PDB file of N, CA and C in Angstrom:
ATOM      1  N   UNK A   1      85.222  98.204 108.877  1.00  0.00           N
ATOM      2  CA  UNK A   1      84.973  99.229 109.852  1.00  0.00           C
ATOM      3  C   UNK A   1      83.871 100.138 109.318  1.00  0.00           C
ATOM      4  N   UNK A   2      83.055 100.572 110.250  1.00  0.00           N
ATOM      5  CA  UNK A   2      82.059 101.599 109.951  1.00  0.00           C
ATOM      6  C   UNK A   2      82.379 102.791 110.832  1.00  0.00           C
ATOM      7  N   UNK A   3      82.226 103.996 110.310  1.00  0.00           N
ATOM      8  CA  UNK A   3      82.485 105.180 111.108  1.00  0.00           C
ATOM      9  C   UNK A   3      81.550 106.303 110.696  1.00  0.00           C
ATOM     10  N   UNK A   4      81.363 107.252 111.615  1.00  0.00           N
ATOM     11  CA  UNK A   4      80.529 108.415 111.336  1.00  0.00           C
ATOM     12  C   UNK A   4      80.978 109.562 112.226  1.00  0.00           C
ATOM     13  N   UNK A   5      80.816 110.775 111.716  1.00  0.00           N
ATOM     14  CA  UNK A   5      81.080 111.975 112.503  1.00  0.00           C
ATOM     15  C   UNK A   5      79.822 112.273 113.301  1.00  0.00           C
ATOM     16  N   UNK A   6      79.952 112.340 114.626  1.00  0.00           N
ATOM     17  CA  UNK A   6      78.800 112.596 115.484  1.00  0.00           C
ATOM     18  C   UNK A   6      78.542 114.085 115.653  1.00  0.00           C
ATOM     19  N   UNK A   7      79.599 114.847 115.851  1.00  0.00           N
ATOM     20  CA  UNK A   7      79.469 116.290 116.010  1.00  0.00           C
ATOM     21  C   UNK A   7      80.815 116.930 115.727  1.00  0.00           C
ATOM     22  N   UNK A   8      80.816 118.229 115.593  1.00  0.00           N
ATOM     23  CA  UNK A   8      82.081 118.910 115.381  1.00  0.00           C
ATOM     24  C   UNK A   8      81.887 120.383 115.124  1.00  0.00           C
ATOM     25  N   UNK A   9      82.879 121.146 115.511  1.00  0.00           N
ATOM     26  CA  UNK A   9      82.905 122.569 115.213  1.00  0.00           C
ATOM     27  C   UNK A   9      84.331 122.927 114.820  1.00  0.00           C
ATOM     28  N   UNK A  10      84.655 124.195 114.846  1.00  0.00           N
ATOM     29  CA  UNK A  10      85.980 124.630 114.390  1.00  0.00           C
ATOM     30  C   UNK A  10      87.123 124.036 115.200  1.00  0.00           C
ATOM     31  N   UNK A  11      86.901 123.724 116.488  1.00  0.00           N
ATOM     32  CA  UNK A  11      88.003 123.272 117.325  1.00  0.00           C
ATOM     33  C   UNK A  11      87.988 121.807 117.704  1.00  0.00           C
ATOM     34  N   UNK A  12      86.875 121.118 117.531  1.00  0.00           N
ATOM     35  CA  UNK A  12      86.836 119.725 117.967  1.00  0.00           C
ATOM     36  C   UNK A  12      85.813 118.940 117.149  1.00  0.00           C
ATOM     37  N   UNK A  13      85.961 117.637 117.191  1.00  0.00           N
ATOM     38  CA  UNK A  13      85.040 116.736 116.511  1.00  0.00           C
ATOM     39  C   UNK A  13      84.828 115.513 117.383  1.00  0.00           C
ATOM     40  N   UNK A  14      83.704 114.873 117.235  1.00  0.00           N
ATOM     41  CA  UNK A  14      83.446 113.581 117.874  1.00  0.00           C
ATOM     42  C   UNK A  14      83.086 112.600 116.767  1.00  0.00           C
ATOM     43  N   UNK A  15      83.725 111.463 116.789  1.00  0.00           N
ATOM     44  CA  UNK A  15      83.468 110.418 115.791  1.00  0.00           C
ATOM     45  C   UNK A  15      83.225 109.099 116.503  1.00  0.00           C
ATOM     46  N   UNK A  16      82.531 108.207 115.824  1.00  0.00           N
ATOM     47  CA  UNK A  16      82.359 106.842 116.301  1.00  0.00           C
ATOM     48  C   UNK A  16      82.914 105.908 115.233  1.00  0.00           C
ATOM     49  N   UNK A  17      83.597 104.878 115.677  1.00  0.00           N
ATOM     50  CA  UNK A  17      84.137 103.875 114.756  1.00  0.00           C
ATOM     51  C   UNK A  17      83.789 102.501 115.299  1.00  0.00           C
ATOM     52  N   UNK A  18      83.253 101.676 114.450  1.00  0.00           N
ATOM     53  CA  UNK A  18      82.944 100.294 114.816  1.00  0.00           C
ATOM     54  C   UNK A  18      83.907  99.402 114.050  1.00  0.00           C
ATOM     55  N   UNK A  19      84.807  98.778 114.792  1.00  0.00           N
ATOM     56  CA  UNK A  19      85.807  97.889 114.200  1.00  0.00           C
ATOM     57  C   UNK A  19      85.224  96.482 114.211  1.00  0.00           C
ATOM     58  N   UNK A  20      85.176  95.876 113.057  1.00  0.00           N
ATOM     59  CA  UNK A  20      84.553  94.553 112.917  1.00  0.00           C
ATOM     60  C   UNK A  20      85.462  93.453 113.455  1.00  0.00           C
ATOM     61  N   UNK A  21      84.872  92.344 113.802  1.00  0.00           N
ATOM     62  CA  UNK A  21      85.612  91.171 114.255  1.00  0.00           C
ATOM     63  C   UNK A  21      86.616  90.764 113.185  1.00  0.00           C
ATOM     64  N   UNK A  22      87.852  90.527 113.604  1.00  0.00           N
ATOM     65  CA  UNK A  22      88.899  90.128 112.670  1.00  0.00           C
ATOM     66  C   UNK A  22      89.736  91.291 112.164  1.00  0.00           C
ATOM     67  N   UNK A  23      89.236  92.530 112.294  1.00  0.00           N
ATOM     68  CA  UNK A  23      90.014  93.700 111.894  1.00  0.00           C
ATOM     69  C   UNK A  23      91.027  94.033 112.991  1.00  0.00           C
ATOM     70  N   UNK A  24      92.185  94.536 112.612  1.00  0.00           N
ATOM     71  CA  UNK A  24      93.206  94.938 113.561  1.00  0.00           C
ATOM     72  C   UNK A  24      92.898  96.383 113.956  1.00  0.00           C
ATOM     73  N   UNK A  25      92.597  96.616 115.235  1.00  0.00           N
ATOM     74  CA  UNK A  25      92.084  97.908 115.701  1.00  0.00           C
ATOM     75  C   UNK A  25      93.046  99.058 115.432  1.00  0.00           C
ATOM     76  N   UNK A  26      94.318  98.926 115.773  1.00  0.00           N
ATOM     77  CA  UNK A  26      95.259 100.034 115.625  1.00  0.00           C
ATOM     78  C   UNK A  26      95.390 100.448 114.164  1.00  0.00           C
ATOM     79  N   UNK A  27      95.556  99.486 113.276  1.00  0.00           N
ATOM     80  CA  UNK A  27      95.689  99.781 111.849  1.00  0.00           C
ATOM     81  C   UNK A  27      94.428 100.439 111.309  1.00  0.00           C
ATOM     82  N   UNK A  28      93.280  99.937 111.699  1.00  0.00           N
ATOM     83  CA  UNK A  28      92.004 100.474 111.225  1.00  0.00           C
ATOM     84  C   UNK A  28      91.791 101.898 111.721  1.00  0.00           C
ATOM     85  N   UNK A  29      92.068 102.165 113.000  1.00  0.00           N
ATOM     86  CA  UNK A  29      91.882 103.512 113.547  1.00  0.00           C
ATOM     87  C   UNK A  29      92.919 104.491 112.998  1.00  0.00           C
ATOM     88  N   UNK A  30      94.129 104.014 112.740  1.00  0.00           N
ATOM     89  CA  UNK A  30      95.152 104.860 112.131  1.00  0.00           C
ATOM     90  C   UNK A  30      94.726 105.291 110.734  1.00  0.00           C
ATOM     91  N   UNK A  31      94.154 104.381 109.960  1.00  0.00           N
ATOM     92  CA  UNK A  31      93.665 104.712 108.620  1.00  0.00           C
ATOM     93  C   UNK A  31      92.517 105.706 108.708  1.00  0.00           C
ATOM     94  N   UNK A  32      91.607 105.516 109.648  1.00  0.00           N
ATOM     95  CA  UNK A  32      90.497 106.455 109.834  1.00  0.00           C
ATOM     96  C   UNK A  32      91.038 107.855 110.125  1.00  0.00           C
ATOM     97  N   UNK A  33      92.007 107.953 111.036  1.00  0.00           N
ATOM     98  CA  UNK A  33      92.580 109.252 111.394  1.00  0.00           C
ATOM     99  C   UNK A  33      93.250 109.908 110.185  1.00  0.00           C
ATOM    100  N   UNK A  34      94.005 109.143 109.425  1.00  0.00           N
ATOM    101  CA  UNK A  34      94.687 109.685 108.246  1.00  0.00           C
ATOM    102  C   UNK A  34      93.675 110.164 107.223  1.00  0.00           C
ATOM    103  N   UNK A  35      92.672 109.351 106.923  1.00  0.00           N
ATOM    104  CA  UNK A  35      91.655 109.704 105.927  1.00  0.00           C
ATOM    105  C   UNK A  35      90.856 110.940 106.343  1.00  0.00           C
ATOM    106  N   UNK A  36      90.642 111.129 107.656  1.00  0.00           N
ATOM    107  CA  UNK A  36      89.852 112.255 108.159  1.00  0.00           C
ATOM    108  C   UNK A  36      90.707 113.479 108.461  1.00  0.00           C
ATOM    109  N   UNK A  37      92.025 113.364 108.297  1.00  0.00           N
ATOM    110  CA  UNK A  37      92.914 114.483 108.569  1.00  0.00           C
ATOM    111  C   UNK A  37      93.080 114.770 110.053  1.00  0.00           C
ATOM    112  N   UNK A  38      92.919 113.757 110.885  1.00  0.00           N
ATOM    113  CA  UNK A  38      93.055 113.911 112.330  1.00  0.00           C
ATOM    114  C   UNK A  38      94.533 113.773 112.689  1.00  0.00           C
ATOM    115  N   UNK A  39      95.098 114.811 113.340  1.00  0.00           N
ATOM    116  CA  UNK A  39      96.518 114.790 113.695  1.00  0.00           C
ATOM    117  C   UNK A  39      96.743 114.606 115.192  1.00  0.00           C
ATOM    118  N   UNK A  40      95.721 114.807 116.004  1.00  0.00           N
ATOM    119  CA  UNK A  40      95.813 114.600 117.451  1.00  0.00           C
ATOM    120  C   UNK A  40      94.421 114.207 117.946  1.00  0.00           C
ATOM    121  N   UNK A  41      94.374 113.311 118.938  1.00  0.00           N
ATOM    122  CA  UNK A  41      93.068 112.842 119.399  1.00  0.00           C
ATOM    123  C   UNK A  41      93.185 112.160 120.753  1.00  0.00           C
ATOM    124  N   UNK A  42      92.052 111.992 121.403  1.00  0.00           N
ATOM    125  CA  UNK A  42      91.956 111.106 122.558  1.00  0.00           C
ATOM    126  C   UNK A  42      91.003 109.983 122.155  1.00  0.00           C
ATOM    127  N   UNK A  43      91.129 108.854 122.812  1.00  0.00           N
ATOM    128  CA  UNK A  43      90.359 107.679 122.424  1.00  0.00           C
ATOM    129  C   UNK A  43      89.655 107.108 123.639  1.00  0.00           C
ATOM    130  N   UNK A  44      88.371 106.852 123.483  1.00  0.00           N
ATOM    131  CA  UNK A  44      87.599 106.131 124.488  1.00  0.00           C
ATOM    132  C   UNK A  44      87.048 104.887 123.806  1.00  0.00           C
ATOM    133  N   UNK A  45      87.276 103.737 124.406  1.00  0.00           N
ATOM    134  CA  UNK A  45      86.844 102.492 123.786  1.00  0.00           C
ATOM    135  C   UNK A  45      85.900 101.726 124.700  1.00  0.00           C
ATOM    136  N   UNK A  46      84.863 101.184 124.093  1.00  0.00           N
ATOM    137  CA  UNK A  46      83.932 100.315 124.790  1.00  0.00           C
ATOM    138  C   UNK A  46      83.763  99.095 123.904  1.00  0.00           C
ATOM    139  N   UNK A  47      83.909  97.930 124.477  1.00  0.00           N
ATOM    140  CA  UNK A  47      83.749  96.735 123.673  1.00  0.00           C
ATOM    141  C   UNK A  47      84.673  95.636 124.133  1.00  0.00           C
ATOM    142  N   UNK A  48      84.980  94.756 123.225  1.00  0.00           N
ATOM    143  CA  UNK A  48      85.799  93.601 123.566  1.00  0.00           C
ATOM    144  C   UNK A  48      86.853  93.384 122.493  1.00  0.00           C
ATOM    145  N   UNK A  49      87.958  92.804 122.905  1.00  0.00           N
ATOM    146  CA  UNK A  49      89.013  92.421 121.979  1.00  0.00           C
ATOM    147  C   UNK A  49      89.255  90.934 122.132  1.00  0.00           C
ATOM    148  N   UNK A  50      89.540  90.293 121.022  1.00  0.00           N
ATOM    149  CA  UNK A  50      89.913  88.876 121.071  1.00  0.00           C
ATOM    150  C   UNK A  50      91.279  88.729 121.725  1.00  0.00           C
ATOM    151  N   UNK A  51      92.197  89.678 121.413  1.00  0.00           N
ATOM    152  CA  UNK A  51      93.554  89.668 121.941  1.00  0.00           C
ATOM    153  C   UNK A  51      94.044  91.109 121.929  1.00  0.00           C
ATOM    154  N   UNK A  52      94.767  91.528 122.981  1.00  0.00           N
ATOM    155  CA  UNK A  52      95.252  92.911 123.041  1.00  0.00           C
ATOM    156  C   UNK A  52      96.575  92.980 123.790  1.00  0.00           C
ATOM    157  N   UNK A  53      97.431  93.914 123.387  1.00  0.00           N
ATOM    158  CA  UNK A  53      98.649  94.245 124.104  1.00  0.00           C
ATOM    159  C   UNK A  53      98.485  95.670 124.599  1.00  0.00           C
ATOM    160  N   UNK A  54      98.612  95.879 125.895  1.00  0.00           N
ATOM    161  CA  UNK A  54      98.422  97.200 126.481  1.00  0.00           C
ATOM    162  C   UNK A  54      99.750  97.815 126.861  1.00  0.00           C
ATOM    163  N   UNK A  55      99.793  99.132 126.867  1.00  0.00           N
ATOM    164  CA  UNK A  55     100.980  99.858 127.282  1.00  0.00           C
ATOM    165  C   UNK A  55     100.668 101.338 127.296  1.00  0.00           C
ATOM    166  N   UNK A  56     101.656 102.140 127.652  1.00  0.00           N
ATOM    167  CA  UNK A  56     101.478 103.588 127.644  1.00  0.00           C
ATOM    168  C   UNK A  56     102.787 104.256 127.316  1.00  0.00           C
ATOM    169  N   UNK A  57     102.697 105.514 126.905  1.00  0.00           N
ATOM    170  CA  UNK A  57     103.872 106.308 126.578  1.00  0.00           C
ATOM    171  C   UNK A  57     103.992 107.417 127.603  1.00  0.00           C
ATOM    172  N   UNK A  58     105.161 107.553 128.208  1.00  0.00           N
ATOM    173  CA  UNK A  58     105.416 108.588 129.196  1.00  0.00           C
ATOM    174  C   UNK A  58     106.243 109.679 128.528  1.00  0.00           C
ATOM    175  N   UNK A  59     105.586 110.811 128.205  1.00  0.00           N
ATOM    176  CA  UNK A  59     106.231 111.875 127.453  1.00  0.00           C
ATOM    177  C   UNK A  59     107.415 112.494 128.147  1.00  0.00           C
ATOM    178  N   UNK A  60     107.356 112.647 129.480  1.00  0.00           N
ATOM    179  CA  UNK A  60     108.444 113.289 130.235  1.00  0.00           C
ATOM    180  C   UNK A  60     109.731 112.474 130.086  1.00  0.00           C
ATOM    181  N   UNK A  61     109.604 111.161 130.166  1.00  0.00           N
ATOM    182  CA  UNK A  61     110.787 110.298 130.083  1.00  0.00           C
ATOM    183  C   UNK A  61     111.007 109.808 128.644  1.00  0.00           C
ATOM    184  N   UNK A  62     110.058 110.116 127.755  1.00  0.00           N
ATOM    185  CA  UNK A  62     110.123 109.658 126.367  1.00  0.00           C
ATOM    186  C   UNK A  62     110.378 108.157 126.301  1.00  0.00           C
ATOM    187  N   UNK A  63     109.540 107.404 127.006  1.00  0.00           N
ATOM    188  CA  UNK A  63     109.734 105.972 127.078  1.00  0.00           C
ATOM    189  C   UNK A  63     108.395 105.242 126.933  1.00  0.00           C
ATOM    190  N   UNK A  64     108.435 104.106 126.243  1.00  0.00           N
ATOM    191  CA  UNK A  64     107.272 103.229 126.142  1.00  0.00           C
ATOM    192  C   UNK A  64     107.300 102.250 127.305  1.00  0.00           C
ATOM    193  N   UNK A  65     106.124 101.880 127.804  1.00  0.00           N
ATOM    194  CA  UNK A  65     106.012 100.937 128.906  1.00  0.00           C
ATOM    195  C   UNK A  65     105.000  99.840 128.532  1.00  0.00           C
ATOM    196  N   UNK A  66     105.441  98.731 127.937  1.00  0.00           N
ATOM    197  CA  UNK A  66     104.504  97.645 127.668  1.00  0.00           C
ATOM    198  C   UNK A  66     104.062  97.006 128.988  1.00  0.00           C
ATOM    199  N   UNK A  67     102.862  96.512 129.010  1.00  0.00           N
ATOM    200  CA  UNK A  67     102.357  95.868 130.241  1.00  0.00           C
ATOM    201  C   UNK A  67     102.490  94.363 130.099  1.00  0.00           C
TER     202      UNK A  67
END
């Protein structure tokens, strides 16, 4: 993975991460967040995955919904 901080101030930051072919995206992004001290974030992704499992978390019902 390659990553860089694009911008940031006291309240927010923007980063870019390039996950290489064969790397597991969730594990790689989790490590990036831990190493950078990121405790909350939103994610926008552009690109392709060889294989993916999608789902969402509904906070009100505290339930996971795999697709």
